Amino acid sequence: MSYRTTVLAQVLGGLDAKEFARCAARHPMRRTPSAISAYDHFATMVFAQLTYRESLRDIEACLEARRQLLYHSGIRGKVKRCNLAYANTQRDWHVFAEVAAVLMRRAHRLYVDQPPEPDLPFGLFALDATLIELSLALFPWARWQSTHAAVKLNVLLDLRTDIPVFASIHEGSRHEVASLDEIPVQPDSFYVIDRGYMDFQRLHRLHAAKAFFVIRSKCNLRFYVVESRKVDKTTGVRCDQTIRLNFRKSREHYPETLRRIRYFDAESGLSLVFLTNAFHLPALTIAEIYRRRWQIELFFRWIKQHLRLRGFFSNDPNGVRVQVWTAICAYLLVAIAKKENALRQSLHQVLQVVSLSCLEKVPLIELFAKHDTTNEPFDIPIQLEINGF
């Protein structure tokens, strides 16, 4: 019996159509095209991300070749490159940003039962930014340096589930420290950030919200030691101190004491200095928390390698943001499908299989089922009697 929906429709099923309609209604277009709806636009862009399409002409050719399957994939309009080009430039990117926020919340609810690592806090988040490089000749509005253009993707990643809980996209010239004003802050959670985010006024906002932070210190930090605690140097911890900031302006922005930990990493040979407002955890645990920050670098590498973020379908600022947001949505939809279908394969394996079978009408879980096709020898005693032996 033929299955009714395609793999693409099953992946898109991670988003409630009513939720998408509410997001689209909050940002209506000046002139709504009759050929392609907002959901058709979203589904087509997700298809382009999952299958790594190279251009609008490429998208049109692939979908035109399987036109009979588009209805069962959730795409009801006419997907033409002119319609997509118009939608990318005219449909507000905030629609896709809000859809990504909806998917983040749903994915986080699905993965919330994932147990934390031993000796690490339950709420552990990493904040960082990555540059998505563009051509200055094609994207002059995104000038970052004299000869470079880029947009900056800021992400707050849940290190327990590898699911982003916040994201924002800005021009490359915007300093990443400004994203500290935008992230949601949960009490008793830990926020791991690199030294590029060192702004004591913003860090004090985290402290006032009863959250904890772990940040790598800059070498020119001025402070004086209030208390020094004994440490076991065989663990790599060199010092564990309570300090106060010495510079007047910094002390005004952060009047409380801070904890300063120096840790020597034997693998890399680096001596790292951390600042935190968490005094209740062992110094070695603080160093281990910061080591988990590397997961967000792996997240950025993953989406850049496996999703369509190297070439863009539009030179318009709105079109670039639409494509980046749909890449994040594609990542979240695959993560949701993986969890809902209890797939044991890695996210990379799920994405590769989905990209190959996107327009096939087969249950998603069957694509990952392992069937025993071995021909084991077996004896049938009665066969000898039939043959007269």
Foldseek 3Di string as FASTA:
>chain_A
DFFQAFLLQVLVVLADPVQLVVLQVVFDFPDADPQFHPVLLLSLLLLCFLQVADALVRSLVVCVVVVVLCVRNVGDGRRHSVVNQCCLFTGFLSSLQSSLLVLLVSLCVLCLPQDADPQADSAAKEKDKDWQWDACVLAVVLDQDPGTGTKMKIFIARLRQRGTNDIDIGRNNDQSLVCLVVDDADAAHEYEYEQSNDDLLSVVVNVVNNYKYKYWHDPPFAWDFPDWDDDDCVLFKDTWTKIAGDDPVSCVSPVDIWIWIWGQDPVVRDIIIMIMPDPPGDSSNSVVSNVSNCSVVVVVVVLVVRTHRNDFHDNHPSSNSNSVSSSSVSLSSLSSSCSVLVPPDDSVVLSVLCSVRVSGRDDSNVSRDDDDPDDDDDDDVVVCVVVPD
